[in-house]
Amino acid sequence: MATPADGRSSHQFKISHTDDEWRQILTPEQYSVLRGHATERAGTCALLYEKRKGTFVCAGCDQPLFVANTKFESGTGWPSFHEPEPGSVETTTDSSYGMVRTEVHCSQCGGHLGHVFPDGPPPTGLRYCINGVAMNFLPDATP
Protein backbone atom coordinates (compact mmCIF):
# COMPACT_ATOMS: atom_id res chain seq x y z
CA MET A 1 0.00 0.00 0.00
CA ALA A 2 1.19 3.46 -0.80
CA THR A 3 0.58 7.07 0.10
CA PRO A 4 -0.61 9.71 -2.35
CA ALA A 5 1.98 10.96 -4.83
CA ASP A 6 2.59 14.16 -2.89
CA GLY A 7 3.14 12.33 0.41
CA ARG A 8 0.51 14.48 2.14
CA SER A 9 -0.39 11.73 4.61
CA SER A 10 0.45 8.27 5.75
CA HIS A 11 -2.98 6.98 4.69
CA GLN A 12 -2.82 3.49 3.24
CA PHE A 13 -4.94 2.78 0.15
CA LYS A 14 -6.39 -0.56 -0.95
CA ILE A 15 -4.91 -0.16 -4.45
CA SER A 16 -1.26 0.83 -4.66
CA HIS A 17 1.51 0.78 -7.22
CA THR A 18 5.04 2.06 -7.47
CA ASP A 19 5.57 5.32 -9.31
CA ASP A 20 6.92 3.37 -12.31
CA GLU A 21 3.86 1.11 -12.32
CA TRP A 22 1.51 4.12 -12.23
CA ARG A 23 3.38 5.58 -15.21
CA GLN A 24 2.81 2.33 -17.13
CA ILE A 25 -0.88 2.07 -16.19
CA LEU A 26 -1.87 5.70 -16.82
CA THR A 27 -1.49 8.01 -19.80
CA PRO A 28 0.90 10.93 -19.20
CA GLU A 29 -2.05 13.30 -18.68
CA GLN A 30 -3.81 10.89 -16.30
CA TYR A 31 -0.57 10.44 -14.36
CA SER A 32 -0.10 14.21 -14.11
CA VAL A 33 -3.60 14.68 -12.65
CA LEU A 34 -4.13 11.53 -10.59
CA ARG A 35 -0.64 11.17 -9.13
CA GLY A 36 0.76 14.70 -9.54
CA HIS A 37 -2.33 16.73 -8.56
CA ALA A 38 -2.37 18.69 -11.82
CA THR A 39 -5.52 20.17 -13.35
CA GLU A 40 -6.56 19.60 -16.95
CA ARG A 41 -7.40 22.64 -19.05
CA ALA A 42 -11.05 23.65 -18.72
CA GLY A 43 -13.32 22.43 -21.50
CA THR A 44 -10.85 19.91 -22.94
CA CYS A 45 -12.31 16.58 -21.78
CA ALA A 46 -15.01 14.70 -23.67
CA LEU A 47 -16.57 13.60 -20.36
CA LEU A 48 -17.66 17.18 -19.83
CA TYR A 49 -20.24 16.57 -22.57
CA GLU A 50 -21.22 13.00 -21.59
CA LYS A 51 -24.99 12.77 -21.15
CA ARG A 52 -25.72 9.02 -21.30
CA LYS A 53 -26.83 6.96 -18.33
CA GLY A 54 -23.90 5.21 -16.70
CA THR A 55 -21.13 5.43 -14.15
CA PHE A 56 -17.99 7.52 -13.97
CA VAL A 57 -15.13 5.41 -12.56
CA CYS A 58 -11.60 6.24 -11.39
CA ALA A 59 -9.12 6.03 -14.27
CA GLY A 60 -6.54 4.68 -11.84
CA CYS A 61 -8.45 1.79 -10.30
CA ASP A 62 -11.93 1.54 -11.88
CA GLN A 63 -13.75 2.28 -8.63
CA PRO A 64 -17.24 3.72 -9.31
CA LEU A 65 -17.18 7.40 -8.31
CA PHE A 66 -20.30 9.14 -9.64
CA VAL A 67 -23.47 8.04 -11.42
CA ALA A 68 -24.67 10.04 -14.40
CA ASN A 69 -27.83 11.33 -12.74
CA THR A 70 -25.69 13.29 -10.23
CA LYS A 71 -23.88 15.19 -13.03
CA PHE A 72 -24.88 18.76 -13.83
CA GLU A 73 -23.66 21.60 -16.04
CA SER A 74 -21.79 24.03 -13.80
CA GLY A 75 -20.37 26.24 -16.54
CA THR A 76 -16.86 25.74 -15.14
CA GLY A 77 -15.42 23.61 -17.96
CA TRP A 78 -15.04 20.47 -15.83
CA PRO A 79 -17.50 17.65 -15.19
CA SER A 80 -19.47 18.53 -12.06
CA PHE A 81 -21.50 16.30 -9.77
CA HIS A 82 -23.60 16.99 -6.69
CA GLU A 83 -22.88 13.69 -4.93
CA PRO A 84 -20.33 10.84 -5.13
CA GLU A 85 -21.09 7.17 -4.71
CA PRO A 86 -21.04 6.32 -0.97
CA GLY A 87 -17.49 5.74 0.30
CA SER A 88 -15.88 6.34 -3.11
CA VAL A 89 -14.08 9.59 -2.35
CA GLU A 90 -12.20 11.15 0.53
CA THR A 91 -11.22 14.77 1.06
CA THR A 92 -8.22 16.67 2.35
CA THR A 93 -7.41 20.34 2.78
CA ASP A 94 -5.52 21.77 -0.20
CA SER A 95 -3.75 25.05 0.55
CA SER A 96 -1.79 25.30 -2.70
CA TYR A 97 -1.80 28.39 -4.92
CA GLY A 98 -2.46 30.75 -1.99
CA MET A 99 -6.01 29.52 -1.33
CA VAL A 100 -7.70 26.91 0.81
CA ARG A 101 -9.84 24.35 -1.02
CA THR A 102 -11.14 20.87 -0.32
CA GLU A 103 -9.38 18.30 -2.48
CA VAL A 104 -11.25 15.17 -3.56
CA HIS A 105 -9.36 11.93 -4.09
CA CYS A 106 -10.31 8.31 -4.79
CA SER A 107 -10.75 6.39 -1.55
CA GLN A 108 -9.38 3.21 -3.13
CA CYS A 109 -6.16 4.37 -4.86
CA GLY A 110 -5.67 7.92 -3.54
CA GLY A 111 -5.72 9.45 -7.03
CA HIS A 112 -6.39 13.19 -7.16
CA LEU A 113 -9.77 13.82 -8.78
CA GLY A 114 -10.46 17.52 -8.26
CA HIS A 115 -12.10 19.67 -5.60
CA VAL A 116 -15.49 20.08 -3.93
CA PHE A 117 -17.15 23.46 -3.40
CA PRO A 118 -20.26 24.52 -1.42
CA ASP A 119 -21.97 26.18 -4.41
CA GLY A 120 -23.74 23.25 -6.05
CA PRO A 121 -27.41 22.50 -6.67
CA PRO A 122 -29.88 20.69 -4.42
CA PRO A 123 -30.14 18.23 -2.91
CA THR A 124 -26.58 18.49 -1.49
CA GLY A 125 -25.56 22.05 -2.32
CA LEU A 126 -22.14 20.66 -3.28
CA ARG A 127 -20.22 20.88 -6.55
CA TYR A 128 -17.68 18.12 -7.06
CA CYS A 129 -15.53 19.70 -9.78
CA ILE A 130 -13.68 16.72 -11.24
CA ASN A 131 -10.93 16.44 -13.82
CA GLY A 132 -12.43 14.43 -16.68
CA VAL A 133 -9.09 12.77 -17.43
CA ALA A 134 -9.17 11.29 -13.91
CA MET A 135 -12.23 9.23 -14.85
CA ASN A 136 -13.53 6.78 -17.40
CA PHE A 137 -17.21 6.44 -18.31
CA LEU A 138 -19.06 3.14 -18.36
CA PRO A 139 -22.45 3.48 -20.10
CA ASP A 140 -25.37 1.48 -18.78
CA ALA A 141 -26.05 -1.67 -20.80
CA THR A 142 -29.73 -0.79 -21.16
CA PRO A 143 -30.81 2.54 -22.64
C-alpha atoms as a PDB file:
ATOM      1  CA  MET A   1       0.000   0.000   0.000  1.00  0.00           C
ATOM      2  CA  ALA A   2       1.190   3.464  -0.803  1.00  0.00           C
ATOM      3  CA  THR A   3       0.581   7.067   0.097  1.00  0.00           C
ATOM      4  CA  PRO A   4      -0.611   9.711  -2.354  1.00  0.00           C
ATOM      5  CA  ALA A   5       1.979  10.955  -4.835  1.00  0.00           C
ATOM      6  CA  ASP A   6       2.586  14.165  -2.889  1.00  0.00           C
ATOM      7  CA  GLY A   7       3.139  12.331   0.411  1.00  0.00           C
ATOM      8  CA  ARG A   8       0.510  14.477   2.137  1.00  0.00           C
ATOM      9  CA  SER A   9      -0.392  11.731   4.613  1.00  0.00           C
ATOM     10  CA  SER A  10       0.448   8.271   5.754  1.00  0.00           C
ATOM     11  CA  HIS A  11      -2.981   6.981   4.687  1.00  0.00           C
ATOM     12  CA  GLN A  12      -2.815   3.491   3.236  1.00  0.00           C
ATOM     13  CA  PHE A  13      -4.940   2.777   0.155  1.00  0.00           C
ATOM     14  CA  LYS A  14      -6.390  -0.564  -0.949  1.00  0.00           C
ATOM     15  CA  ILE A  15      -4.910  -0.161  -4.454  1.00  0.00           C
ATOM     16  CA  SER A  16      -1.260   0.833  -4.664  1.00  0.00           C
ATOM     17  CA  HIS A  17       1.511   0.784  -7.218  1.00  0.00           C
ATOM     18  CA  THR A  18       5.045   2.058  -7.465  1.00  0.00           C
ATOM     19  CA  ASP A  19       5.569   5.317  -9.306  1.00  0.00           C
ATOM     20  CA  ASP A  20       6.922   3.373 -12.308  1.00  0.00           C
ATOM     21  CA  GLU A  21       3.865   1.109 -12.318  1.00  0.00           C
ATOM     22  CA  TRP A  22       1.512   4.116 -12.234  1.00  0.00           C
ATOM     23  CA  ARG A  23       3.381   5.579 -15.213  1.00  0.00           C
ATOM     24  CA  GLN A  24       2.810   2.332 -17.131  1.00  0.00           C
ATOM     25  CA  ILE A  25      -0.880   2.068 -16.188  1.00  0.00           C
ATOM     26  CA  LEU A  26      -1.869   5.696 -16.824  1.00  0.00           C
ATOM     27  CA  THR A  27      -1.494   8.010 -19.803  1.00  0.00           C
ATOM     28  CA  PRO A  28       0.899  10.930 -19.199  1.00  0.00           C
ATOM     29  CA  GLU A  29      -2.051  13.303 -18.684  1.00  0.00           C
ATOM     30  CA  GLN A  30      -3.807  10.894 -16.299  1.00  0.00           C
ATOM     31  CA  TYR A  31      -0.569  10.443 -14.362  1.00  0.00           C
ATOM     32  CA  SER A  32      -0.105  14.211 -14.115  1.00  0.00           C
ATOM     33  CA  VAL A  33      -3.599  14.681 -12.651  1.00  0.00           C
ATOM     34  CA  LEU A  34      -4.130  11.526 -10.594  1.00  0.00           C
ATOM     35  CA  ARG A  35      -0.637  11.168  -9.133  1.00  0.00           C
ATOM     36  CA  GLY A  36       0.762  14.702  -9.539  1.00  0.00           C
ATOM     37  CA  HIS A  37      -2.326  16.730  -8.559  1.00  0.00           C
ATOM     38  CA  ALA A  38      -2.367  18.694 -11.822  1.00  0.00           C
ATOM     39  CA  THR A  39      -5.520  20.168 -13.353  1.00  0.00           C
ATOM     40  CA  GLU A  40      -6.565  19.597 -16.947  1.00  0.00           C
ATOM     41  CA  ARG A  41      -7.404  22.643 -19.052  1.00  0.00           C
ATOM     42  CA  ALA A  42     -11.051  23.651 -18.717  1.00  0.00           C
ATOM     43  CA  GLY A  43     -13.323  22.433 -21.504  1.00  0.00           C
ATOM     44  CA  THR A  44     -10.849  19.905 -22.938  1.00  0.00           C
ATOM     45  CA  CYS A  45     -12.306  16.583 -21.780  1.00  0.00           C
ATOM     46  CA  ALA A  46     -15.013  14.697 -23.671  1.00  0.00           C
ATOM     47  CA  LEU A  47     -16.566  13.596 -20.360  1.00  0.00           C
ATOM     48  CA  LEU A  48     -17.664  17.181 -19.830  1.00  0.00           C
ATOM     49  CA  TYR A  49     -20.244  16.569 -22.573  1.00  0.00           C
ATOM     50  CA  GLU A  50     -21.219  13.005 -21.588  1.00  0.00           C
ATOM     51  CA  LYS A  51     -24.995  12.766 -21.147  1.00  0.00           C
ATOM     52  CA  ARG A  52     -25.717   9.018 -21.303  1.00  0.00           C
ATOM     53  CA  LYS A  53     -26.834   6.956 -18.331  1.00  0.00           C
ATOM     54  CA  GLY A  54     -23.902   5.210 -16.700  1.00  0.00           C
ATOM     55  CA  THR A  55     -21.135   5.429 -14.146  1.00  0.00           C
ATOM     56  CA  PHE A  56     -17.988   7.519 -13.967  1.00  0.00           C
ATOM     57  CA  VAL A  57     -15.133   5.412 -12.562  1.00  0.00           C
ATOM     58  CA  CYS A  58     -11.603   6.235 -11.387  1.00  0.00           C
ATOM     59  CA  ALA A  59      -9.117   6.030 -14.273  1.00  0.00           C
ATOM     60  CA  GLY A  60      -6.539   4.681 -11.838  1.00  0.00           C
ATOM     61  CA  CYS A  61      -8.449   1.787 -10.296  1.00  0.00           C
ATOM     62  CA  ASP A  62     -11.931   1.537 -11.883  1.00  0.00           C
ATOM     63  CA  GLN A  63     -13.754   2.284  -8.629  1.00  0.00           C
ATOM     64  CA  PRO A  64     -17.243   3.724  -9.309  1.00  0.00           C
ATOM     65  CA  LEU A  65     -17.179   7.397  -8.310  1.00  0.00           C
ATOM     66  CA  PHE A  66     -20.298   9.135  -9.641  1.00  0.00           C
ATOM     67  CA  VAL A  67     -23.467   8.044 -11.421  1.00  0.00           C
ATOM     68  CA  ALA A  68     -24.671  10.037 -14.401  1.00  0.00           C
ATOM     69  CA  ASN A  69     -27.834  11.333 -12.735  1.00  0.00           C
ATOM     70  CA  THR A  70     -25.692  13.288 -10.226  1.00  0.00           C
ATOM     71  CA  LYS A  71     -23.884  15.186 -13.025  1.00  0.00           C
ATOM     72  CA  PHE A  72     -24.878  18.763 -13.835  1.00  0.00           C
ATOM     73  CA  GLU A  73     -23.659  21.602 -16.039  1.00  0.00           C
ATOM     74  CA  SER A  74     -21.792  24.031 -13.796  1.00  0.00           C
ATOM     75  CA  GLY A  75     -20.366  26.239 -16.543  1.00  0.00           C
ATOM     76  CA  THR A  76     -16.857  25.743 -15.144  1.00  0.00           C
ATOM     77  CA  GLY A  77     -15.419  23.610 -17.964  1.00  0.00           C
ATOM     78  CA  TRP A  78     -15.035  20.469 -15.834  1.00  0.00           C
ATOM     79  CA  PRO A  79     -17.502  17.648 -15.189  1.00  0.00           C
ATOM     80  CA  SER A  80     -19.467  18.526 -12.061  1.00  0.00           C
ATOM     81  CA  PHE A  81     -21.497  16.302  -9.768  1.00  0.00           C
ATOM     82  CA  HIS A  82     -23.602  16.988  -6.685  1.00  0.00           C
ATOM     83  CA  GLU A  83     -22.884  13.686  -4.935  1.00  0.00           C
ATOM     84  CA  PRO A  84     -20.332  10.840  -5.135  1.00  0.00           C
ATOM     85  CA  GLU A  85     -21.086   7.165  -4.706  1.00  0.00           C
ATOM     86  CA  PRO A  86     -21.038   6.316  -0.969  1.00  0.00           C
ATOM     87  CA  GLY A  87     -17.490   5.736   0.296  1.00  0.00           C
ATOM     88  CA  SER A  88     -15.882   6.336  -3.113  1.00  0.00           C
ATOM     89  CA  VAL A  89     -14.077   9.588  -2.353  1.00  0.00           C
ATOM     90  CA  GLU A  90     -12.198  11.151   0.526  1.00  0.00           C
ATOM     91  CA  THR A  91     -11.222  14.769   1.058  1.00  0.00           C
ATOM     92  CA  THR A  92      -8.220  16.666   2.352  1.00  0.00           C
ATOM     93  CA  THR A  93      -7.411  20.339   2.778  1.00  0.00           C
ATOM     94  CA  ASP A  94      -5.521  21.774  -0.196  1.00  0.00           C
ATOM     95  CA  SER A  95      -3.745  25.051   0.547  1.00  0.00           C
ATOM     96  CA  SER A  96      -1.790  25.296  -2.702  1.00  0.00           C
ATOM     97  CA  TYR A  97      -1.797  28.387  -4.919  1.00  0.00           C
ATOM     98  CA  GLY A  98      -2.460  30.749  -1.993  1.00  0.00           C
ATOM     99  CA  MET A  99      -6.010  29.525  -1.335  1.00  0.00           C
ATOM    100  CA  VAL A 100      -7.701  26.913   0.808  1.00  0.00           C
ATOM    101  CA  ARG A 101      -9.839  24.347  -1.022  1.00  0.00           C
ATOM    102  CA  THR A 102     -11.142  20.871  -0.319  1.00  0.00           C
ATOM    103  CA  GLU A 103      -9.377  18.302  -2.482  1.00  0.00           C
ATOM    104  CA  VAL A 104     -11.247  15.172  -3.563  1.00  0.00           C
ATOM    105  CA  HIS A 105      -9.361  11.927  -4.093  1.00  0.00           C
ATOM    106  CA  CYS A 106     -10.308   8.315  -4.791  1.00  0.00           C
ATOM    107  CA  SER A 107     -10.746   6.391  -1.555  1.00  0.00           C
ATOM    108  CA  GLN A 108      -9.381   3.211  -3.129  1.00  0.00           C
ATOM    109  CA  CYS A 109      -6.158   4.374  -4.863  1.00  0.00           C
ATOM    110  CA  GLY A 110      -5.667   7.916  -3.545  1.00  0.00           C
ATOM    111  CA  GLY A 111      -5.718   9.447  -7.030  1.00  0.00           C
ATOM    112  CA  HIS A 112      -6.385  13.190  -7.160  1.00  0.00           C
ATOM    113  CA  LEU A 113      -9.769  13.815  -8.781  1.00  0.00           C
ATOM    114  CA  GLY A 114     -10.459  17.522  -8.260  1.00  0.00           C
ATOM    115  CA  HIS A 115     -12.099  19.672  -5.600  1.00  0.00           C
ATOM    116  CA  VAL A 116     -15.490  20.082  -3.929  1.00  0.00           C
ATOM    117  CA  PHE A 117     -17.148  23.462  -3.395  1.00  0.00           C
ATOM    118  CA  PRO A 118     -20.259  24.520  -1.419  1.00  0.00           C
ATOM    119  CA  ASP A 119     -21.973  26.178  -4.411  1.00  0.00           C
ATOM    120  CA  GLY A 120     -23.741  23.249  -6.051  1.00  0.00           C
ATOM    121  CA  PRO A 121     -27.411  22.504  -6.671  1.00  0.00           C
ATOM    122  CA  PRO A 122     -29.883  20.694  -4.416  1.00  0.00           C
ATOM    123  CA  PRO A 123     -30.136  18.226  -2.907  1.00  0.00           C
ATOM    124  CA  THR A 124     -26.581  18.487  -1.490  1.00  0.00           C
ATOM    125  CA  GLY A 125     -25.564  22.055  -2.323  1.00  0.00           C
ATOM    126  CA  LEU A 126     -22.141  20.664  -3.277  1.00  0.00           C
ATOM    127  CA  ARG A 127     -20.215  20.884  -6.551  1.00  0.00           C
ATOM    128  CA  TYR A 128     -17.678  18.117  -7.056  1.00  0.00           C
ATOM    129  CA  CYS A 129     -15.535  19.702  -9.780  1.00  0.00           C
ATOM    130  CA  ILE A 130     -13.681  16.715 -11.236  1.00  0.00           C
ATOM    131  CA  ASN A 131     -10.926  16.437 -13.823  1.00  0.00           C
ATOM    132  CA  GLY A 132     -12.435  14.435 -16.678  1.00  0.00           C
ATOM    133  CA  VAL A 133      -9.094  12.767 -17.428  1.00  0.00           C
ATOM    134  CA  ALA A 134      -9.165  11.292 -13.908  1.00  0.00           C
ATOM    135  CA  MET A 135     -12.234   9.230 -14.845  1.00  0.00           C
ATOM    136  CA  ASN A 136     -13.530   6.784 -17.400  1.00  0.00           C
ATOM    137  CA  PHE A 137     -17.206   6.437 -18.308  1.00  0.00           C
ATOM    138  CA  LEU A 138     -19.061   3.137 -18.364  1.00  0.00           C
ATOM    139  CA  PRO A 139     -22.451   3.482 -20.100  1.00  0.00           C
ATOM    140  CA  ASP A 140     -25.373   1.478 -18.782  1.00  0.00           C
ATOM    141  CA  ALA A 141     -26.055  -1.670 -20.798  1.00  0.00           C
ATOM    142  CA  THR A 142     -29.735  -0.792 -21.159  1.00  0.00           C
ATOM    143  CA  PRO A 143     -30.806   2.544 -22.645  1.00  0.00           C
END
